[in-house]
Amino acid sequence: MDEQIPGPDAQTMAVAERERLGSWRLTAANRKGRFRKTWGDARLHLYEEGLIVTDPESGEWVYRWESVSVLQNLSTLNGAVRDAAYTLIGPGGAALTVGRGIHGVFDSKLKAAGVTSHTRGPWILLESSWGPEIQKGVLRTQGAPALERLERGETLAFGRVSVDRNSVSFKGKTARWAEIGEVSVSNALVRFRDTRGRSLLGGVDVPEVPNLYLLLALADRLRG
């Protein structure tokens, strides 16, 4: 059974108030074992508008949904999440990976996602609880502004995937939204297919896609 731990302490609550993170949702702990020596009593505190990762030695890492990018890499067993890694990228490019999995991305592709420095953070438990909530928070907060930017004619980058209001591009190939019948995720790949089910751009590795939920939501809106 996962360890039951208390919520944020007074210092963490003060940080959350200062950063306008809203209501506290849940707290998850670093796993026990040989890695405990590195991050000890580190915690992840999920809030309505962002999260805080605390560590007794290195202080706090704070991310707001409106400005964070997130990469995810899930390991599954019989359809259930066995472990996962979420890499949180702040506005300046400082990234922190949390969760029991590996981020699964080469350094060169981390750079394509906007990472300027990277820290392997604590092995936080309960990824299936807080991980999807991060993606949902990003989608809820960044979705409308992203659509407005597209309507103004801007191009948005999701790592090596580029999106504008007319088309999507990846690795030198471009497909117009009018051509795309389905955008789906299978076997850790994002796939863009035409109405006959044929792949248009090849598969895009999920661990390389910042803000996956946001990309999928925009694709669903634009191809419609």
C-alpha atoms as a PDB file:
ATOM      1  CA  MET A   1       0.000   0.000   0.000  1.00  0.00           C
ATOM      2  CA  ASP A   2       1.282   3.477  -0.811  1.00  0.00           C
ATOM      3  CA  GLU A   3       2.536   5.492   2.136  1.00  0.00           C
ATOM      4  CA  GLN A   4       0.007   7.871   3.638  1.00  0.00           C
ATOM      5  CA  ILE A   5       1.670  11.222   4.234  1.00  0.00           C
ATOM      6  CA  PRO A   6       0.513  14.595   5.525  1.00  0.00           C
ATOM      7  CA  GLY A   7      -0.236  17.577   3.327  1.00  0.00           C
ATOM      8  CA  PRO A   8       2.006  20.611   2.790  1.00  0.00           C
ATOM      9  CA  ASP A   9       3.662  22.264   5.762  1.00  0.00           C
ATOM     10  CA  ALA A  10       3.422  25.970   6.607  1.00  0.00           C
ATOM     11  CA  GLN A  11       6.427  26.917   4.465  1.00  0.00           C
ATOM     12  CA  THR A  12       5.052  25.119   1.408  1.00  0.00           C
ATOM     13  CA  MET A  13       1.619  26.660   1.921  1.00  0.00           C
ATOM     14  CA  ALA A  14       3.226  30.098   2.049  1.00  0.00           C
ATOM     15  CA  VAL A  15       5.006  29.426  -1.256  1.00  0.00           C
ATOM     16  CA  ALA A  16       1.753  28.234  -2.813  1.00  0.00           C
ATOM     17  CA  GLU A  17      -0.030  31.384  -1.676  1.00  0.00           C
ATOM     18  CA  ARG A  18       2.760  33.620  -2.968  1.00  0.00           C
ATOM     19  CA  GLU A  19       2.712  31.872  -6.369  1.00  0.00           C
ATOM     20  CA  ARG A  20      -1.113  31.930  -6.543  1.00  0.00           C
ATOM     21  CA  LEU A  21      -1.447  28.163  -6.938  1.00  0.00           C
ATOM     22  CA  GLY A  22      -4.976  27.957  -5.537  1.00  0.00           C
ATOM     23  CA  SER A  23      -6.384  25.015  -3.608  1.00  0.00           C
ATOM     24  CA  TRP A  24      -4.229  22.078  -2.533  1.00  0.00           C
ATOM     25  CA  ARG A  25      -5.194  18.783  -4.214  1.00  0.00           C
ATOM     26  CA  LEU A  26      -2.795  16.041  -3.066  1.00  0.00           C
ATOM     27  CA  THR A  27       0.719  15.285  -1.831  1.00  0.00           C
ATOM     28  CA  ALA A  28       2.900  12.364  -2.951  1.00  0.00           C
ATOM     29  CA  ALA A  29       6.191  11.155  -1.485  1.00  0.00           C
ATOM     30  CA  ASN A  30       9.566  10.016  -2.762  1.00  0.00           C
ATOM     31  CA  ARG A  31       9.809   6.228  -2.846  1.00  0.00           C
ATOM     32  CA  LYS A  32      11.769   4.355  -0.191  1.00  0.00           C
ATOM     33  CA  GLY A  33      14.863   2.346  -1.056  1.00  0.00           C
ATOM     34  CA  ARG A  34      18.373   2.939  -2.282  1.00  0.00           C
ATOM     35  CA  PHE A  35      17.445   6.206  -4.053  1.00  0.00           C
ATOM     36  CA  ARG A  36      16.046   7.615  -0.802  1.00  0.00           C
ATOM     37  CA  LYS A  37      19.574   8.819   0.048  1.00  0.00           C
ATOM     38  CA  THR A  38      19.488  11.240  -2.859  1.00  0.00           C
ATOM     39  CA  TRP A  39      16.131  12.977  -2.394  1.00  0.00           C
ATOM     40  CA  GLY A  40      15.145  11.761   1.074  1.00  0.00           C
ATOM     41  CA  ASP A  41      11.880  13.338   2.197  1.00  0.00           C
ATOM     42  CA  ALA A  42      11.147  15.093  -1.090  1.00  0.00           C
ATOM     43  CA  ARG A  43       7.461  15.673  -1.803  1.00  0.00           C
ATOM     44  CA  LEU A  44       5.268  16.665  -4.723  1.00  0.00           C
ATOM     45  CA  HIS A  45       2.368  18.942  -3.777  1.00  0.00           C
ATOM     46  CA  LEU A  46      -0.313  19.276  -6.436  1.00  0.00           C
ATOM     47  CA  TYR A  47      -2.470  22.413  -6.476  1.00  0.00           C
ATOM     48  CA  GLU A  48      -5.310  23.672  -8.638  1.00  0.00           C
ATOM     49  CA  GLU A  49      -3.056  26.002 -10.643  1.00  0.00           C
ATOM     50  CA  GLY A  50       0.322  24.272 -10.448  1.00  0.00           C
ATOM     51  CA  LEU A  51       2.622  22.211  -8.275  1.00  0.00           C
ATOM     52  CA  ILE A  52       5.547  22.433  -5.883  1.00  0.00           C
ATOM     53  CA  VAL A  53       8.300  19.840  -5.498  1.00  0.00           C
ATOM     54  CA  THR A  54      10.008  20.259  -2.125  1.00  0.00           C
ATOM     55  CA  ASP A  55      13.346  18.874  -0.991  1.00  0.00           C
ATOM     56  CA  PRO A  56      14.902  19.494   2.433  1.00  0.00           C
ATOM     57  CA  GLU A  57      18.330  20.083   0.861  1.00  0.00           C
ATOM     58  CA  SER A  58      17.625  21.972  -2.393  1.00  0.00           C
ATOM     59  CA  GLY A  59      14.459  23.913  -1.518  1.00  0.00           C
ATOM     60  CA  GLU A  60      11.411  24.199  -3.761  1.00  0.00           C
ATOM     61  CA  TRP A  61      10.694  23.827  -7.459  1.00  0.00           C
ATOM     62  CA  VAL A  62       7.517  25.706  -8.430  1.00  0.00           C
ATOM     63  CA  TYR A  63       5.556  25.353 -11.679  1.00  0.00           C
ATOM     64  CA  ARG A  64       2.336  27.053 -12.791  1.00  0.00           C
ATOM     65  CA  TRP A  65       0.134  25.420 -15.439  1.00  0.00           C
ATOM     66  CA  GLU A  66       0.010  28.628 -17.460  1.00  0.00           C
ATOM     67  CA  SER A  67       3.759  28.610 -18.121  1.00  0.00           C
ATOM     68  CA  VAL A  68       5.032  25.035 -17.722  1.00  0.00           C
ATOM     69  CA  SER A  69       5.734  22.466 -20.437  1.00  0.00           C
ATOM     70  CA  VAL A  70       5.640  18.784 -19.538  1.00  0.00           C
ATOM     71  CA  LEU A  71       7.053  15.660 -21.156  1.00  0.00           C
ATOM     72  CA  GLN A  72       5.729  12.262 -20.128  1.00  0.00           C
ATOM     73  CA  ASN A  73       7.054   8.730 -20.467  1.00  0.00           C
ATOM     74  CA  LEU A  74       4.854   5.904 -19.206  1.00  0.00           C
ATOM     75  CA  SER A  75       5.706   2.252 -18.621  1.00  0.00           C
ATOM     76  CA  THR A  76       2.645  -0.004 -18.581  1.00  0.00           C
ATOM     77  CA  LEU A  77       1.887  -3.586 -17.606  1.00  0.00           C
ATOM     78  CA  ASN A  78      -1.342  -5.224 -18.777  1.00  0.00           C
ATOM     79  CA  GLY A  79      -2.724  -1.808 -19.646  1.00  0.00           C
ATOM     80  CA  ALA A  80      -2.003  -0.246 -16.243  1.00  0.00           C
ATOM     81  CA  VAL A  81       0.706   2.314 -15.496  1.00  0.00           C
ATOM     82  CA  ARG A  82       3.646   0.546 -13.826  1.00  0.00           C
ATOM     83  CA  ASP A  83       5.808   3.626 -13.478  1.00  0.00           C
ATOM     84  CA  ALA A  84       6.196   6.990 -15.179  1.00  0.00           C
ATOM     85  CA  ALA A  85       8.437  10.003 -15.515  1.00  0.00           C
ATOM     86  CA  TYR A  86       7.207  13.553 -15.985  1.00  0.00           C
ATOM     87  CA  THR A  87       9.722  16.230 -16.962  1.00  0.00           C
ATOM     88  CA  LEU A  88       8.568  19.704 -15.953  1.00  0.00           C
ATOM     89  CA  ILE A  89      10.070  22.562 -17.960  1.00  0.00           C
ATOM     90  CA  GLY A  90       9.860  26.097 -16.608  1.00  0.00           C
ATOM     91  CA  PRO A  91       9.684  29.289 -18.716  1.00  0.00           C
ATOM     92  CA  GLY A  92      13.480  29.684 -18.612  1.00  0.00           C
ATOM     93  CA  GLY A  93      14.130  26.095 -19.685  1.00  0.00           C
ATOM     94  CA  ALA A  94      15.112  24.641 -16.291  1.00  0.00           C
ATOM     95  CA  ALA A  95      13.690  21.103 -16.191  1.00  0.00           C
ATOM     96  CA  LEU A  96      13.040  18.643 -13.379  1.00  0.00           C
ATOM     97  CA  THR A  97      12.114  14.986 -13.941  1.00  0.00           C
ATOM     98  CA  VAL A  98       9.932  13.372 -11.254  1.00  0.00           C
ATOM     99  CA  GLY A  99       8.400   9.915 -10.971  1.00  0.00           C
ATOM    100  CA  ARG A 100       9.791   6.373 -10.792  1.00  0.00           C
ATOM    101  CA  GLY A 101      10.384   5.970 -14.526  1.00  0.00           C
ATOM    102  CA  ILE A 102      12.975   7.318 -16.941  1.00  0.00           C
ATOM    103  CA  HIS A 103      12.348  10.344 -19.150  1.00  0.00           C
ATOM    104  CA  GLY A 104      13.474   8.380 -22.231  1.00  0.00           C
ATOM    105  CA  VAL A 105      14.653  11.381 -24.260  1.00  0.00           C
ATOM    106  CA  PHE A 106      18.151  12.091 -25.568  1.00  0.00           C
ATOM    107  CA  ASP A 107      19.717  15.402 -24.560  1.00  0.00           C
ATOM    108  CA  SER A 108      19.459  16.768 -28.112  1.00  0.00           C
ATOM    109  CA  LYS A 109      15.712  16.184 -28.111  1.00  0.00           C
ATOM    110  CA  LEU A 110      15.350  17.701 -24.661  1.00  0.00           C
ATOM    111  CA  LYS A 111      16.815  20.848 -26.206  1.00  0.00           C
ATOM    112  CA  ALA A 112      14.166  20.696 -28.944  1.00  0.00           C
ATOM    113  CA  ALA A 113      11.559  20.748 -26.149  1.00  0.00           C
ATOM    114  CA  GLY A 114      13.070  23.946 -24.745  1.00  0.00           C
ATOM    115  CA  VAL A 115      15.246  22.443 -22.002  1.00  0.00           C
ATOM    116  CA  THR A 116      18.366  24.457 -21.101  1.00  0.00           C
ATOM    117  CA  SER A 117      19.265  22.567 -17.908  1.00  0.00           C
ATOM    118  CA  HIS A 118      18.007  19.265 -16.521  1.00  0.00           C
ATOM    119  CA  THR A 119      17.828  17.731 -13.049  1.00  0.00           C
ATOM    120  CA  ARG A 120      16.842  14.133 -12.338  1.00  0.00           C
ATOM    121  CA  GLY A 121      14.451  14.734  -9.462  1.00  0.00           C
ATOM    122  CA  PRO A 122      12.835  12.469  -6.859  1.00  0.00           C
ATOM    123  CA  TRP A 123      11.159   9.136  -7.598  1.00  0.00           C
ATOM    124  CA  ILE A 124       7.698  10.369  -6.606  1.00  0.00           C
ATOM    125  CA  LEU A 125       5.004   7.732  -6.086  1.00  0.00           C
ATOM    126  CA  LEU A 126       1.362   7.781  -7.263  1.00  0.00           C
ATOM    127  CA  GLU A 127       2.160   8.879 -10.836  1.00  0.00           C
ATOM    128  CA  SER A 128      -1.236   7.722 -12.072  1.00  0.00           C
ATOM    129  CA  SER A 129      -2.859  10.208  -9.676  1.00  0.00           C
ATOM    130  CA  TRP A 130      -0.829  13.384 -10.186  1.00  0.00           C
ATOM    131  CA  GLY A 131       0.603  12.808 -13.682  1.00  0.00           C
ATOM    132  CA  PRO A 132      -2.613  13.119 -15.714  1.00  0.00           C
ATOM    133  CA  GLU A 133      -3.674  16.062 -13.528  1.00  0.00           C
ATOM    134  CA  ILE A 134      -0.579  17.961 -14.668  1.00  0.00           C
ATOM    135  CA  GLN A 135      -1.505  17.434 -18.318  1.00  0.00           C
ATOM    136  CA  LYS A 136      -5.128  18.385 -17.647  1.00  0.00           C
ATOM    137  CA  GLY A 137      -4.057  21.530 -15.804  1.00  0.00           C
ATOM    138  CA  VAL A 138      -1.868  22.594 -18.731  1.00  0.00           C
ATOM    139  CA  LEU A 139      -4.701  21.935 -21.183  1.00  0.00           C
ATOM    140  CA  ARG A 140      -7.255  23.827 -19.098  1.00  0.00           C
ATOM    141  CA  THR A 141      -4.985  26.846 -18.657  1.00  0.00           C
ATOM    142  CA  GLN A 142      -3.139  27.029 -21.969  1.00  0.00           C
ATOM    143  CA  GLY A 143      -5.825  25.741 -24.350  1.00  0.00           C
ATOM    144  CA  ALA A 144      -7.715  28.979 -25.070  1.00  0.00           C
ATOM    145  CA  PRO A 145      -4.562  31.137 -25.393  1.00  0.00           C
ATOM    146  CA  ALA A 146      -3.070  28.569 -27.788  1.00  0.00           C
ATOM    147  CA  LEU A 147      -6.147  28.699 -30.008  1.00  0.00           C
ATOM    148  CA  GLU A 148      -6.030  32.503 -30.015  1.00  0.00           C
ATOM    149  CA  ARG A 149      -2.392  32.438 -31.105  1.00  0.00           C
ATOM    150  CA  LEU A 150      -3.211  30.038 -33.939  1.00  0.00           C
ATOM    151  CA  GLU A 151      -6.098  32.221 -35.063  1.00  0.00           C
ATOM    152  CA  ARG A 152      -3.674  35.162 -35.247  1.00  0.00           C
ATOM    153  CA  GLY A 153      -1.557  33.146 -37.674  1.00  0.00           C
ATOM    154  CA  GLU A 154       1.157  32.033 -35.274  1.00  0.00           C
ATOM    155  CA  THR A 155       2.921  28.661 -35.422  1.00  0.00           C
ATOM    156  CA  LEU A 156       3.174  26.654 -32.184  1.00  0.00           C
ATOM    157  CA  ALA A 157       5.997  24.206 -31.501  1.00  0.00           C
ATOM    158  CA  PHE A 158       5.528  20.958 -29.596  1.00  0.00           C
ATOM    159  CA  GLY A 159       9.121  19.812 -29.648  1.00  0.00           C
ATOM    160  CA  ARG A 160       9.794  18.858 -33.251  1.00  0.00           C
ATOM    161  CA  VAL A 161       6.089  19.036 -34.165  1.00  0.00           C
ATOM    162  CA  SER A 162       4.923  22.384 -35.560  1.00  0.00           C
ATOM    163  CA  VAL A 163       1.272  23.369 -35.684  1.00  0.00           C
ATOM    164  CA  ASP A 164      -0.482  26.275 -37.383  1.00  0.00           C
ATOM    165  CA  ARG A 165      -4.143  26.838 -38.182  1.00  0.00           C
ATOM    166  CA  ASN A 166      -3.804  25.143 -41.588  1.00  0.00           C
ATOM    167  CA  SER A 167      -1.365  22.278 -41.107  1.00  0.00           C
ATOM    168  CA  VAL A 168       0.934  20.197 -38.917  1.00  0.00           C
ATOM    169  CA  SER A 169       4.588  19.439 -39.685  1.00  0.00           C
ATOM    170  CA  PHE A 170       7.126  16.898 -38.433  1.00  0.00           C
ATOM    171  CA  LYS A 171      10.621  15.993 -39.699  1.00  0.00           C
ATOM    172  CA  GLY A 172      10.262  17.884 -42.967  1.00  0.00           C
ATOM    173  CA  LYS A 173       6.780  16.554 -43.791  1.00  0.00           C
ATOM    174  CA  THR A 174       3.592  18.616 -43.695  1.00  0.00           C
ATOM    175  CA  ALA A 175      -0.073  17.582 -43.722  1.00  0.00           C
ATOM    176  CA  ARG A 176      -3.023  19.928 -43.938  1.00  0.00           C
ATOM    177  CA  TRP A 177      -5.650  19.550 -41.254  1.00  0.00           C
ATOM    178  CA  ALA A 178      -8.242  18.997 -43.981  1.00  0.00           C
ATOM    179  CA  GLU A 179      -6.378  15.792 -44.927  1.00  0.00           C
ATOM    180  CA  ILE A 180      -6.292  14.350 -41.412  1.00  0.00           C
ATOM    181  CA  GLY A 181      -9.030  11.958 -40.381  1.00  0.00           C
ATOM    182  CA  GLU A 182      -7.614  10.831 -37.046  1.00  0.00           C
ATOM    183  CA  VAL A 183      -4.961  11.754 -34.497  1.00  0.00           C
ATOM    184  CA  SER A 184      -4.302   8.990 -31.975  1.00  0.00           C
ATOM    185  CA  VAL A 185      -1.772   7.632 -29.495  1.00  0.00           C
ATOM    186  CA  SER A 186      -0.734   3.981 -29.633  1.00  0.00           C
ATOM    187  CA  ASN A 187       2.425   2.109 -28.663  1.00  0.00           C
ATOM    188  CA  ALA A 188       3.945   5.340 -27.300  1.00  0.00           C
ATOM    189  CA  LEU A 189       3.564   7.090 -30.675  1.00  0.00           C
ATOM    190  CA  VAL A 190       1.354   9.987 -31.783  1.00  0.00           C
ATOM    191  CA  ARG A 191       0.001   9.161 -35.236  1.00  0.00           C
ATOM    192  CA  PHE A 192      -1.623  11.426 -37.825  1.00  0.00           C
ATOM    193  CA  ARG A 193      -3.719   9.458 -40.315  1.00  0.00           C
ATOM    194  CA  ASP A 194      -5.889  10.345 -43.291  1.00  0.00           C
ATOM    195  CA  THR A 195      -9.510   9.225 -43.670  1.00  0.00           C
ATOM    196  CA  ARG A 196      -8.309   5.875 -45.075  1.00  0.00           C
ATOM    197  CA  GLY A 197      -6.159   5.213 -42.036  1.00  0.00           C
ATOM    198  CA  ARG A 198      -2.847   5.847 -43.797  1.00  0.00           C
ATOM    199  CA  SER A 199      -0.044   7.491 -41.849  1.00  0.00           C
ATOM    200  CA  LEU A 200       0.748  10.988 -43.110  1.00  0.00           C
ATOM    201  CA  LEU A 201       3.755  12.072 -41.031  1.00  0.00           C
ATOM    202  CA  GLY A 202       5.097   8.908 -39.422  1.00  0.00           C
ATOM    203  CA  GLY A 203       4.924   8.247 -35.714  1.00  0.00           C
ATOM    204  CA  VAL A 204       6.014  10.886 -33.202  1.00  0.00           C
ATOM    205  CA  ASP A 205       7.516   9.508 -29.981  1.00  0.00           C
ATOM    206  CA  VAL A 206       5.277  10.508 -27.061  1.00  0.00           C
ATOM    207  CA  PRO A 207       8.211  11.219 -24.679  1.00  0.00           C
ATOM    208  CA  GLU A 208       9.395  13.932 -27.099  1.00  0.00           C
ATOM    209  CA  VAL A 209       6.066  15.806 -27.222  1.00  0.00           C
ATOM    210  CA  PRO A 210       5.677  18.692 -24.764  1.00  0.00           C
ATOM    211  CA  ASN A 211       2.134  19.143 -23.437  1.00  0.00           C
ATOM    212  CA  LEU A 212       0.711  16.055 -25.116  1.00  0.00           C
ATOM    213  CA  TYR A 213      -2.896  16.649 -24.030  1.00  0.00           C
ATOM    214  CA  LEU A 214      -2.784  20.179 -25.411  1.00  0.00           C
ATOM    215  CA  LEU A 215      -1.455  19.010 -28.780  1.00  0.00           C
ATOM    216  CA  LEU A 216      -4.150  16.331 -29.056  1.00  0.00           C
ATOM    217  CA  ALA A 217      -6.912  18.795 -28.124  1.00  0.00           C
ATOM    218  CA  LEU A 218      -5.729  21.365 -30.667  1.00  0.00           C
ATOM    219  CA  ALA A 219      -5.451  18.692 -33.361  1.00  0.00           C
ATOM    220  CA  ASP A 220      -8.989  17.522 -32.656  1.00  0.00           C
ATOM    221  CA  ARG A 221     -10.269  21.097 -32.908  1.00  0.00           C
ATOM    222  CA  LEU A 222      -8.333  22.018 -36.040  1.00  0.00           C
ATOM    223  CA  ARG A 223      -9.032  18.897 -38.051  1.00  0.00           C
ATOM    224  CA  GLY A 224     -12.750  19.313 -37.338  1.00  0.00           C
END
